[in-house]
Amino acid sequence: MLIAVGVGIGLPRLDASIDGRLPLSLTAYLFGGGPDAARSVLSAVAGSLITVTSLTLSLTVVTLQLASRSGTGTGSPATPSAPTWAWSPPSTRVAGWT
């Protein structure tokens, strides 16, 4: 927490000290909009992050539902009615590492 407070205090001071000394070739690549433009960019980024997160969650739920409906093997001794995918060991060494 102290690091975050230090960065929050230090970065604006660093920005103010080097703002006038940047070469024009570099300032052309920096964001030149005002607060409203920055708010719009952050809103677009936040909206797309929410969209990607909800899509990923939805696809995960659908995949788990489809996998649970696919055949129920013999079941494990601990959970006799568990589907095969829920308890079977991975068949390859690479799959075991993940």
PDB file of N, CA and C in Angstrom:
ATOM      1  N   MET A   1       0.817  -1.176   0.000  1.00  0.00           N
ATOM      2  CA  MET A   1       0.000   0.000   0.000  1.00  0.00           C
ATOM      3  C   MET A   1       0.872   1.255   0.000  1.00  0.00           C
ATOM      4  N   LEU A   2       1.950   1.191   0.732  1.00  0.00           N
ATOM      5  CA  LEU A   2       2.848   2.338   0.765  1.00  0.00           C
ATOM      6  C   LEU A   2       3.496   2.578  -0.596  1.00  0.00           C
ATOM      7  N   ILE A   3       3.755   1.490  -1.311  1.00  0.00           N
ATOM      8  CA  ILE A   3       4.343   1.630  -2.650  1.00  0.00           C
ATOM      9  C   ILE A   3       3.361   2.341  -3.571  1.00  0.00           C
ATOM     10  N   ALA A   4       2.084   1.984  -3.499  1.00  0.00           N
ATOM     11  CA  ALA A   4       1.073   2.614  -4.344  1.00  0.00           C
ATOM     12  C   ALA A   4       0.937   4.100  -4.026  1.00  0.00           C
ATOM     13  N   VAL A   5       0.999   4.453  -2.756  1.00  0.00           N
ATOM     14  CA  VAL A   5       0.917   5.859  -2.366  1.00  0.00           C
ATOM     15  C   VAL A   5       2.143   6.608  -2.885  1.00  0.00           C
ATOM     16  N   GLY A   6       3.321   5.978  -2.755  1.00  0.00           N
ATOM     17  CA  GLY A   6       4.546   6.603  -3.252  1.00  0.00           C
ATOM     18  C   GLY A   6       4.522   6.811  -4.751  1.00  0.00           C
ATOM     19  N   VAL A   7       4.033   5.811  -5.483  1.00  0.00           N
ATOM     20  CA  VAL A   7       3.923   5.940  -6.945  1.00  0.00           C
ATOM     21  C   VAL A   7       2.895   7.012  -7.298  1.00  0.00           C
ATOM     22  N   GLY A   8       1.792   7.069  -6.553  1.00  0.00           N
ATOM     23  CA  GLY A   8       0.765   8.078  -6.808  1.00  0.00           C
ATOM     24  C   GLY A   8       1.255   9.496  -6.576  1.00  0.00           C
ATOM     25  N   ILE A   9       2.172   9.660  -5.659  1.00  0.00           N
ATOM     26  CA  ILE A   9       2.749  10.982  -5.415  1.00  0.00           C
ATOM     27  C   ILE A   9       3.885  11.273  -6.388  1.00  0.00           C
ATOM     28  N   GLY A  10       4.699  10.262  -6.681  1.00  0.00           N
ATOM     29  CA  GLY A  10       5.897  10.467  -7.499  1.00  0.00           C
ATOM     30  C   GLY A  10       5.647  10.633  -8.980  1.00  0.00           C
ATOM     31  N   LEU A  11       4.697   9.891  -9.535  1.00  0.00           N
ATOM     32  CA  LEU A  11       4.476   9.970 -10.982  1.00  0.00           C
ATOM     33  C   LEU A  11       3.999  11.346 -11.460  1.00  0.00           C
ATOM     34  N   PRO A  12       3.055  11.997 -10.787  1.00  0.00           N
ATOM     35  CA  PRO A  12       2.697  13.344 -11.244  1.00  0.00           C
ATOM     36  C   PRO A  12       3.867  14.331 -11.167  1.00  0.00           C
ATOM     37  N   ARG A  13       4.693  14.194 -10.140  1.00  0.00           N
ATOM     38  CA  ARG A  13       5.865  15.075 -10.037  1.00  0.00           C
ATOM     39  C   ARG A  13       6.859  14.802 -11.163  1.00  0.00           C
ATOM     40  N   LEU A  14       7.070  13.520 -11.471  1.00  0.00           N
ATOM     41  CA  LEU A  14       7.950  13.157 -12.591  1.00  0.00           C
ATOM     42  C   LEU A  14       7.397  13.680 -13.905  1.00  0.00           C
ATOM     43  N   ASP A  15       6.099  13.539 -14.092  1.00  0.00           N
ATOM     44  CA  ASP A  15       5.456  14.023 -15.308  1.00  0.00           C
ATOM     45  C   ASP A  15       5.621  15.530 -15.464  1.00  0.00           C
ATOM     46  N   ALA A  16       5.421  16.260 -14.388  1.00  0.00           N
ATOM     47  CA  ALA A  16       5.546  17.719 -14.452  1.00  0.00           C
ATOM     48  C   ALA A  16       6.986  18.151 -14.718  1.00  0.00           C
ATOM     49  N   SER A  17       7.949  17.387 -14.216  1.00  0.00           N
ATOM     50  CA  SER A  17       9.345  17.792 -14.397  1.00  0.00           C
ATOM     51  C   SER A  17       9.860  17.512 -15.810  1.00  0.00           C
ATOM     52  N   ILE A  18       9.358  16.483 -16.488  1.00  0.00           N
ATOM     53  CA  ILE A  18       9.870  16.168 -17.830  1.00  0.00           C
ATOM     54  C   ILE A  18       8.922  16.602 -18.941  1.00  0.00           C
ATOM     55  N   ASP A  19       7.795  17.196 -18.603  1.00  0.00           N
ATOM     56  CA  ASP A  19       6.790  17.530 -19.606  1.00  0.00           C
ATOM     57  C   ASP A  19       7.319  18.497 -20.665  1.00  0.00           C
ATOM     58  N   GLY A  20       8.003  19.519 -20.295  1.00  0.00           N
ATOM     59  CA  GLY A  20       8.471  20.506 -21.254  1.00  0.00           C
ATOM     60  C   GLY A  20       9.746  20.122 -21.979  1.00  0.00           C
ATOM     61  N   ARG A  21      10.421  19.086 -21.540  1.00  0.00           N
ATOM     62  CA  ARG A  21      11.698  18.710 -22.131  1.00  0.00           C
ATOM     63  C   ARG A  21      11.612  17.572 -23.139  1.00  0.00           C
ATOM     64  N   LEU A  22      10.442  17.070 -23.411  1.00  0.00           N
ATOM     65  CA  LEU A  22      10.309  15.961 -24.363  1.00  0.00           C
ATOM     66  C   LEU A  22      10.469  16.468 -25.794  1.00  0.00           C
ATOM     67  N   PRO A  23      11.167  15.711 -26.642  1.00  0.00           N
ATOM     68  CA  PRO A  23      11.292  16.124 -28.040  1.00  0.00           C
ATOM     69  C   PRO A  23       9.955  16.008 -28.770  1.00  0.00           C
ATOM     70  N   LEU A  24       9.777  16.826 -29.799  1.00  0.00           N
ATOM     71  CA  LEU A  24       8.520  16.832 -30.550  1.00  0.00           C
ATOM     72  C   LEU A  24       8.241  15.495 -31.222  1.00  0.00           C
ATOM     73  N   SER A  25       9.299  14.794 -31.639  1.00  0.00           N
ATOM     74  CA  SER A  25       9.086  13.501 -32.286  1.00  0.00           C
ATOM     75  C   SER A  25       8.461  12.499 -31.321  1.00  0.00           C
ATOM     76  N   LEU A  26       8.744  12.632 -30.034  1.00  0.00           N
ATOM     77  CA  LEU A  26       8.168  11.725 -29.045  1.00  0.00           C
ATOM     78  C   LEU A  26       6.773  12.166 -28.615  1.00  0.00           C
ATOM     79  N   THR A  27       6.539  13.447 -28.513  1.00  0.00           N
ATOM     80  CA  THR A  27       5.233  13.922 -28.063  1.00  0.00           C
ATOM     81  C   THR A  27       4.128  13.647 -29.081  1.00  0.00           C
ATOM     82  N   ALA A  28       4.501  13.411 -30.334  1.00  0.00           N
ATOM     83  CA  ALA A  28       3.491  13.092 -31.344  1.00  0.00           C
ATOM     84  C   ALA A  28       2.835  11.742 -31.058  1.00  0.00           C
ATOM     85  N   TYR A  29       3.551  10.846 -30.358  1.00  0.00           N
ATOM     86  CA  TYR A  29       3.012   9.518 -30.060  1.00  0.00           C
ATOM     87  C   TYR A  29       2.260   9.460 -28.738  1.00  0.00           C
ATOM     88  N   LEU A  30       2.328  10.485 -27.929  1.00  0.00           N
ATOM     89  CA  LEU A  30       1.664  10.503 -26.635  1.00  0.00           C
ATOM     90  C   LEU A  30       0.218  10.958 -26.780  1.00  0.00           C
ATOM     91  N   PHE A  31      -0.599  10.588 -25.814  1.00  0.00           N
ATOM     92  CA  PHE A  31      -2.008  10.963 -25.811  1.00  0.00           C
ATOM     93  C   PHE A  31      -2.121  12.455 -25.582  1.00  0.00           C
ATOM     94  N   GLY A  32      -2.785  13.148 -26.491  1.00  0.00           N
ATOM     95  CA  GLY A  32      -2.875  14.594 -26.393  1.00  0.00           C
ATOM     96  C   GLY A  32      -4.251  15.117 -26.049  1.00  0.00           C
ATOM     97  N   GLY A  33      -5.181  14.232 -25.755  1.00  0.00           N
ATOM     98  CA  GLY A  33      -6.535  14.674 -25.444  1.00  0.00           C
ATOM     99  C   GLY A  33      -6.666  15.189 -24.028  1.00  0.00           C
ATOM    100  N   GLY A  34      -7.786  15.772 -23.754  1.00  0.00           N
ATOM    101  CA  GLY A  34      -8.068  16.302 -22.429  1.00  0.00           C
ATOM    102  C   GLY A  34      -8.748  15.272 -21.543  1.00  0.00           C
ATOM    103  N   PRO A  35      -9.293  15.715 -20.433  1.00  0.00           N
ATOM    104  CA  PRO A  35      -9.949  14.800 -19.495  1.00  0.00           C
ATOM    105  C   PRO A  35     -11.152  14.074 -20.096  1.00  0.00           C
ATOM    106  N   ASP A  36     -11.923  14.759 -20.926  1.00  0.00           N
ATOM    107  CA  ASP A  36     -13.092  14.102 -21.532  1.00  0.00           C
ATOM    108  C   ASP A  36     -12.679  13.001 -22.508  1.00  0.00           C
ATOM    109  N   ALA A  37     -11.632  13.240 -23.269  1.00  0.00           N
ATOM    110  CA  ALA A  37     -11.143  12.217 -24.196  1.00  0.00           C
ATOM    111  C   ALA A  37     -10.580  11.018 -23.435  1.00  0.00           C
ATOM    112  N   ALA A  38      -9.855  11.288 -22.349  1.00  0.00           N
ATOM    113  CA  ALA A  38      -9.320  10.198 -21.533  1.00  0.00           C
ATOM    114  C   ALA A  38     -10.447   9.390 -20.904  1.00  0.00           C
ATOM    115  N   ARG A  39     -11.503  10.068 -20.468  1.00  0.00           N
ATOM    116  CA  ARG A  39     -12.659   9.380 -19.894  1.00  0.00           C
ATOM    117  C   ARG A  39     -13.324   8.489 -20.936  1.00  0.00           C
ATOM    118  N   SER A  40     -13.415   8.967 -22.167  1.00  0.00           N
ATOM    119  CA  SER A  40     -14.016   8.167 -23.238  1.00  0.00           C
ATOM    120  C   SER A  40     -13.177   6.925 -23.545  1.00  0.00           C
ATOM    121  N   VAL A  41     -11.857   7.102 -23.581  1.00  0.00           N
ATOM    122  CA  VAL A  41     -10.972   5.961 -23.855  1.00  0.00           C
ATOM    123  C   VAL A  41     -11.082   4.933 -22.737  1.00  0.00           C
ATOM    124  N   LEU A  42     -11.060   5.400 -21.486  1.00  0.00           N
ATOM    125  CA  LEU A  42     -11.165   4.471 -20.361  1.00  0.00           C
ATOM    126  C   LEU A  42     -12.530   3.778 -20.323  1.00  0.00           C
ATOM    127  N   SER A  43     -13.576   4.477 -20.709  1.00  0.00           N
ATOM    128  CA  SER A  43     -14.900   3.852 -20.759  1.00  0.00           C
ATOM    129  C   SER A  43     -14.945   2.755 -21.817  1.00  0.00           C
ATOM    130  N   ALA A  44     -14.339   3.012 -22.959  1.00  0.00           N
ATOM    131  CA  ALA A  44     -14.308   2.002 -24.016  1.00  0.00           C
ATOM    132  C   ALA A  44     -13.502   0.785 -23.584  1.00  0.00           C
ATOM    133  N   VAL A  45     -12.377   1.013 -22.923  1.00  0.00           N
ATOM    134  CA  VAL A  45     -11.543  -0.108 -22.453  1.00  0.00           C
ATOM    135  C   VAL A  45     -12.292  -0.902 -21.387  1.00  0.00           C
ATOM    136  N   ALA A  46     -12.924  -0.217 -20.440  1.00  0.00           N
ATOM    137  CA  ALA A  46     -13.672  -0.912 -19.389  1.00  0.00           C
ATOM    138  C   ALA A  46     -14.842  -1.701 -19.969  1.00  0.00           C
ATOM    139  N   GLY A  47     -15.535  -1.124 -20.925  1.00  0.00           N
ATOM    140  CA  GLY A  47     -16.648  -1.834 -21.552  1.00  0.00           C
ATOM    141  C   GLY A  47     -16.212  -3.083 -22.286  1.00  0.00           C
ATOM    142  N   SER A  48     -15.092  -2.993 -22.984  1.00  0.00           N
ATOM    143  CA  SER A  48     -14.618  -4.173 -23.703  1.00  0.00           C
ATOM    144  C   SER A  48     -14.098  -5.237 -22.742  1.00  0.00           C
ATOM    145  N   LEU A  49     -13.500  -4.831 -21.626  1.00  0.00           N
ATOM    146  CA  LEU A  49     -13.068  -5.813 -20.631  1.00  0.00           C
ATOM    147  C   LEU A  49     -14.259  -6.542 -20.016  1.00  0.00           C
ATOM    148  N   ILE A  50     -15.318  -5.814 -19.741  1.00  0.00           N
ATOM    149  CA  ILE A  50     -16.518  -6.444 -19.196  1.00  0.00           C
ATOM    150  C   ILE A  50     -17.122  -7.406 -20.212  1.00  0.00           C
ATOM    151  N   THR A  51     -17.121  -7.024 -21.477  1.00  0.00           N
ATOM    152  CA  THR A  51     -17.656  -7.897 -22.524  1.00  0.00           C
ATOM    153  C   THR A  51     -16.852  -9.178 -22.636  1.00  0.00           C
ATOM    154  N   VAL A  52     -15.538  -9.064 -22.658  1.00  0.00           N
ATOM    155  CA  VAL A  52     -14.682 -10.255 -22.772  1.00  0.00           C
ATOM    156  C   VAL A  52     -14.848 -11.154 -21.560  1.00  0.00           C
ATOM    157  N   THR A  53     -14.937 -10.563 -20.376  1.00  0.00           N
ATOM    158  CA  THR A  53     -15.098 -11.360 -19.163  1.00  0.00           C
ATOM    159  C   THR A  53     -16.426 -12.107 -19.157  1.00  0.00           C
ATOM    160  N   SER A  54     -17.497 -11.435 -19.521  1.00  0.00           N
ATOM    161  CA  SER A  54     -18.805 -12.111 -19.531  1.00  0.00           C
ATOM    162  C   SER A  54     -18.873 -13.178 -20.614  1.00  0.00           C
ATOM    163  N   LEU A  55     -18.257 -12.935 -21.764  1.00  0.00           N
ATOM    164  CA  LEU A  55     -18.235 -13.947 -22.817  1.00  0.00           C
ATOM    165  C   LEU A  55     -17.454 -15.175 -22.376  1.00  0.00           C
ATOM    166  N   THR A  56     -16.316 -14.963 -21.735  1.00  0.00           N
ATOM    167  CA  THR A  56     -15.515 -16.082 -21.252  1.00  0.00           C
ATOM    168  C   THR A  56     -16.269 -16.890 -20.210  1.00  0.00           C
ATOM    169  N   LEU A  57     -16.927 -16.212 -19.278  1.00  0.00           N
ATOM    170  CA  LEU A  57     -17.706 -16.915 -18.268  1.00  0.00           C
ATOM    171  C   LEU A  57     -18.859 -17.690 -18.895  1.00  0.00           C
ATOM    172  N   SER A  58     -19.541 -17.097 -19.844  1.00  0.00           N
ATOM    173  CA  SER A  58     -20.655 -17.786 -20.505  1.00  0.00           C
ATOM    174  C   SER A  58     -20.187 -19.022 -21.250  1.00  0.00           C
ATOM    175  N   LEU A  59     -19.090 -18.895 -21.983  1.00  0.00           N
ATOM    176  CA  LEU A  59     -18.573 -20.050 -22.715  1.00  0.00           C
ATOM    177  C   LEU A  59     -18.095 -21.150 -21.770  1.00  0.00           C
ATOM    178  N   THR A  60     -17.536 -20.770 -20.637  1.00  0.00           N
ATOM    179  CA  THR A  60     -17.112 -21.768 -19.657  1.00  0.00           C
ATOM    180  C   THR A  60     -18.303 -22.515 -19.094  1.00  0.00           C
ATOM    181  N   VAL A  61     -19.366 -21.806 -18.765  1.00  0.00           N
ATOM    182  CA  VAL A  61     -20.560 -22.455 -18.226  1.00  0.00           C
ATOM    183  C   VAL A  61     -21.184 -23.384 -19.254  1.00  0.00           C
ATOM    184  N   VAL A  62     -21.270 -22.957 -20.491  1.00  0.00           N
ATOM    185  CA  VAL A  62     -21.836 -23.808 -21.542  1.00  0.00           C
ATOM    186  C   VAL A  62     -20.979 -25.047 -21.743  1.00  0.00           C
ATOM    187  N   THR A  63     -19.660 -24.882 -21.745  1.00  0.00           N
ATOM    188  CA  THR A  63     -18.769 -26.019 -21.917  1.00  0.00           C
ATOM    189  C   THR A  63     -18.931 -27.016 -20.779  1.00  0.00           C
ATOM    190  N   LEU A  64     -19.021 -26.531 -19.562  1.00  0.00           N
ATOM    191  CA  LEU A  64     -19.205 -27.439 -18.421  1.00  0.00           C
ATOM    192  C   LEU A  64     -20.558 -28.135 -18.472  1.00  0.00           C
ATOM    193  N   GLN A  65     -21.583 -27.433 -18.917  1.00  0.00           N
ATOM    194  CA  GLN A  65     -22.897 -28.077 -19.038  1.00  0.00           C
ATOM    195  C   GLN A  65     -22.875 -29.173 -20.092  1.00  0.00           C
ATOM    196  N   LEU A  66     -22.247 -28.884 -21.232  1.00  0.00           N
ATOM    197  CA  LEU A  66     -22.172 -29.906 -22.274  1.00  0.00           C
ATOM    198  C   LEU A  66     -21.328 -31.091 -21.835  1.00  0.00           C
ATOM    199  N   ALA A  67     -20.255 -30.823 -21.129  1.00  0.00           N
ATOM    200  CA  ALA A  67     -19.397 -31.913 -20.665  1.00  0.00           C
ATOM    201  C   ALA A  67     -20.092 -32.754 -19.608  1.00  0.00           C
ATOM    202  N   SER A  68     -20.918 -32.141 -18.778  1.00  0.00           N
ATOM    203  CA  SER A  68     -21.596 -32.912 -17.743  1.00  0.00           C
ATOM    204  C   SER A  68     -22.695 -33.789 -18.327  1.00  0.00           C
ATOM    205  N   ARG A  69     -23.244 -33.413 -19.480  1.00  0.00           N
ATOM    206  CA  ARG A  69     -24.274 -34.230 -20.117  1.00  0.00           C
ATOM    207  C   ARG A  69     -23.696 -35.371 -20.930  1.00  0.00           C
ATOM    208  N   SER A  70     -22.425 -35.246 -21.321  1.00  0.00           N
ATOM    209  CA  SER A  70     -21.835 -36.335 -22.092  1.00  0.00           C
ATOM    210  C   SER A  70     -21.632 -37.510 -21.163  1.00  0.00           C
ATOM    211  N   GLY A  71     -21.777 -38.707 -21.662  1.00  0.00           N
ATOM    212  CA  GLY A  71     -21.802 -39.954 -20.919  1.00  0.00           C
ATOM    213  C   GLY A  71     -21.228 -39.935 -19.525  1.00  0.00           C
ATOM    214  N   THR A  72     -21.873 -40.620 -18.636  1.00  0.00           N
ATOM    215  CA  THR A  72     -21.353 -40.771 -17.287  1.00  0.00           C
ATOM    216  C   THR A  72     -20.693 -42.120 -17.211  1.00  0.00           C
ATOM    217  N   GLY A  73     -19.419 -42.167 -17.069  1.00  0.00           N
ATOM    218  CA  GLY A  73     -18.688 -43.431 -17.046  1.00  0.00           C
ATOM    219  C   GLY A  73     -19.113 -44.284 -15.876  1.00  0.00           C
ATOM    220  N   THR A  74     -18.203 -45.045 -15.369  1.00  0.00           N
ATOM    221  CA  THR A  74     -18.540 -45.917 -14.242  1.00  0.00           C
ATOM    222  C   THR A  74     -18.561 -45.153 -12.942  1.00  0.00           C
ATOM    223  N   GLY A  75     -18.003 -43.952 -12.936  1.00  0.00           N
ATOM    224  CA  GLY A  75     -17.962 -43.163 -11.714  1.00  0.00           C
ATOM    225  C   GLY A  75     -16.776 -43.551 -10.852  1.00  0.00           C
ATOM    226  N   SER A  76     -16.371 -42.676  -9.994  1.00  0.00           N
ATOM    227  CA  SER A  76     -15.265 -42.984  -9.104  1.00  0.00           C
ATOM    228  C   SER A  76     -15.813 -43.508  -7.794  1.00  0.00           C
ATOM    229  N   PRO A  77     -14.980 -44.146  -6.999  1.00  0.00           N
ATOM    230  CA  PRO A  77     -15.481 -44.649  -5.718  1.00  0.00           C
ATOM    231  C   PRO A  77     -15.961 -43.517  -4.804  1.00  0.00           C
ATOM    232  N   ALA A  78     -15.335 -42.354  -4.886  1.00  0.00           N
ATOM    233  CA  ALA A  78     -15.723 -41.254  -4.009  1.00  0.00           C
ATOM    234  C   ALA A  78     -17.062 -40.650  -4.421  1.00  0.00           C
ATOM    235  N   THR A  79     -17.269 -40.499  -5.716  1.00  0.00           N
ATOM    236  CA  THR A  79     -18.520 -39.934  -6.225  1.00  0.00           C
ATOM    237  C   THR A  79     -19.044 -40.849  -7.316  1.00  0.00           C
ATOM    238  N   PRO A  80     -19.880 -41.800  -6.970  1.00  0.00           N
ATOM    239  CA  PRO A  80     -20.322 -42.816  -7.936  1.00  0.00           C
ATOM    240  C   PRO A  80     -21.053 -42.262  -9.148  1.00  0.00           C
ATOM    241  N   SER A  81     -21.709 -41.126  -9.026  1.00  0.00           N
ATOM    242  CA  SER A  81     -22.475 -40.622 -10.161  1.00  0.00           C
ATOM    243  C   SER A  81     -21.734 -39.530 -10.921  1.00  0.00           C
ATOM    244  N   ALA A  82     -20.459 -39.323 -10.647  1.00  0.00           N
ATOM    245  CA  ALA A  82     -19.711 -38.256 -11.308  1.00  0.00           C
ATOM    246  C   ALA A  82     -19.453 -38.625 -12.763  1.00  0.00           C
ATOM    247  N   PRO A  83     -19.522 -37.649 -13.660  1.00  0.00           N
ATOM    248  CA  PRO A  83     -19.189 -37.917 -15.052  1.00  0.00           C
ATOM    249  C   PRO A  83     -17.710 -38.261 -15.185  1.00  0.00           C
ATOM    250  N   THR A  84     -17.379 -38.952 -16.254  1.00  0.00           N
ATOM    251  CA  THR A  84     -16.012 -39.414 -16.447  1.00  0.00           C
ATOM    252  C   THR A  84     -15.025 -38.255 -16.503  1.00  0.00           C
ATOM    253  N   TRP A  85     -15.393 -37.147 -17.125  1.00  0.00           N
ATOM    254  CA  TRP A  85     -14.463 -36.036 -17.263  1.00  0.00           C
ATOM    255  C   TRP A  85     -14.110 -35.402 -15.924  1.00  0.00           C
ATOM    256  N   ALA A  86     -14.933 -35.592 -14.894  1.00  0.00           N
ATOM    257  CA  ALA A  86     -14.711 -34.914 -13.631  1.00  0.00           C
ATOM    258  C   ALA A  86     -13.627 -35.566 -12.788  1.00  0.00           C
ATOM    259  N   TRP A  87     -13.307 -36.853 -13.042  1.00  0.00           N
ATOM    260  CA  TRP A  87     -12.340 -37.498 -12.157  1.00  0.00           C
ATOM    261  C   TRP A  87     -11.267 -38.284 -12.883  1.00  0.00           C
ATOM    262  N   SER A  88     -11.386 -38.488 -14.174  1.00  0.00           N
ATOM    263  CA  SER A  88     -10.401 -39.314 -14.859  1.00  0.00           C
ATOM    264  C   SER A  88      -9.069 -38.587 -14.969  1.00  0.00           C
ATOM    265  N   PRO A  89      -7.955 -39.305 -14.788  1.00  0.00           N
ATOM    266  CA  PRO A  89      -6.632 -38.671 -14.888  1.00  0.00           C
ATOM    267  C   PRO A  89      -6.327 -38.308 -16.332  1.00  0.00           C
ATOM    268  N   PRO A  90      -5.468 -37.303 -16.552  1.00  0.00           N
ATOM    269  CA  PRO A  90      -5.116 -36.931 -17.922  1.00  0.00           C
ATOM    270  C   PRO A  90      -4.385 -38.061 -18.624  1.00  0.00           C
ATOM    271  N   SER A  91      -4.600 -38.168 -19.928  1.00  0.00           N
ATOM    272  CA  SER A  91      -4.041 -39.285 -20.663  1.00  0.00           C
ATOM    273  C   SER A  91      -2.626 -39.034 -21.166  1.00  0.00           C
ATOM    274  N   THR A  92      -2.188 -37.792 -21.206  1.00  0.00           N
ATOM    275  CA  THR A  92      -0.831 -37.498 -21.665  1.00  0.00           C
ATOM    276  C   THR A  92      -0.069 -36.758 -20.583  1.00  0.00           C
ATOM    277  N   ARG A  93       1.240 -36.769 -20.690  1.00  0.00           N
ATOM    278  CA  ARG A  93       2.057 -36.075 -19.704  1.00  0.00           C
ATOM    279  C   ARG A  93       1.897 -34.555 -19.807  1.00  0.00           C
ATOM    280  N   VAL A  94       1.726 -34.046 -21.032  1.00  0.00           N
ATOM    281  CA  VAL A  94       1.538 -32.608 -21.214  1.00  0.00           C
ATOM    282  C   VAL A  94       0.251 -32.162 -20.547  1.00  0.00           C
ATOM    283  N   ALA A  95      -0.816 -32.918 -20.725  1.00  0.00           N
ATOM    284  CA  ALA A  95      -2.088 -32.575 -20.093  1.00  0.00           C
ATOM    285  C   ALA A  95      -1.982 -32.654 -18.588  1.00  0.00           C
ATOM    286  N   GLY A  96      -1.162 -33.558 -18.078  1.00  0.00           N
ATOM    287  CA  GLY A  96      -0.962 -33.663 -16.632  1.00  0.00           C
ATOM    288  C   GLY A  96      -0.259 -32.458 -16.050  1.00  0.00           C
ATOM    289  N   TRP A  97       0.623 -31.828 -16.805  1.00  0.00           N
ATOM    290  CA  TRP A  97       1.357 -30.651 -16.327  1.00  0.00           C
ATOM    291  C   TRP A  97       0.437 -29.445 -16.238  1.00  0.00           C
ATOM    292  N   THR A  98      -0.570 -29.386 -17.091  1.00  0.00           N
ATOM    293  CA  THR A  98      -1.458 -28.233 -17.075  1.00  0.00           C
ATOM    294  C   THR A  98      -2.547 -28.493 -16.081  1.00  0.00           C
TER     295      THR A  98
END
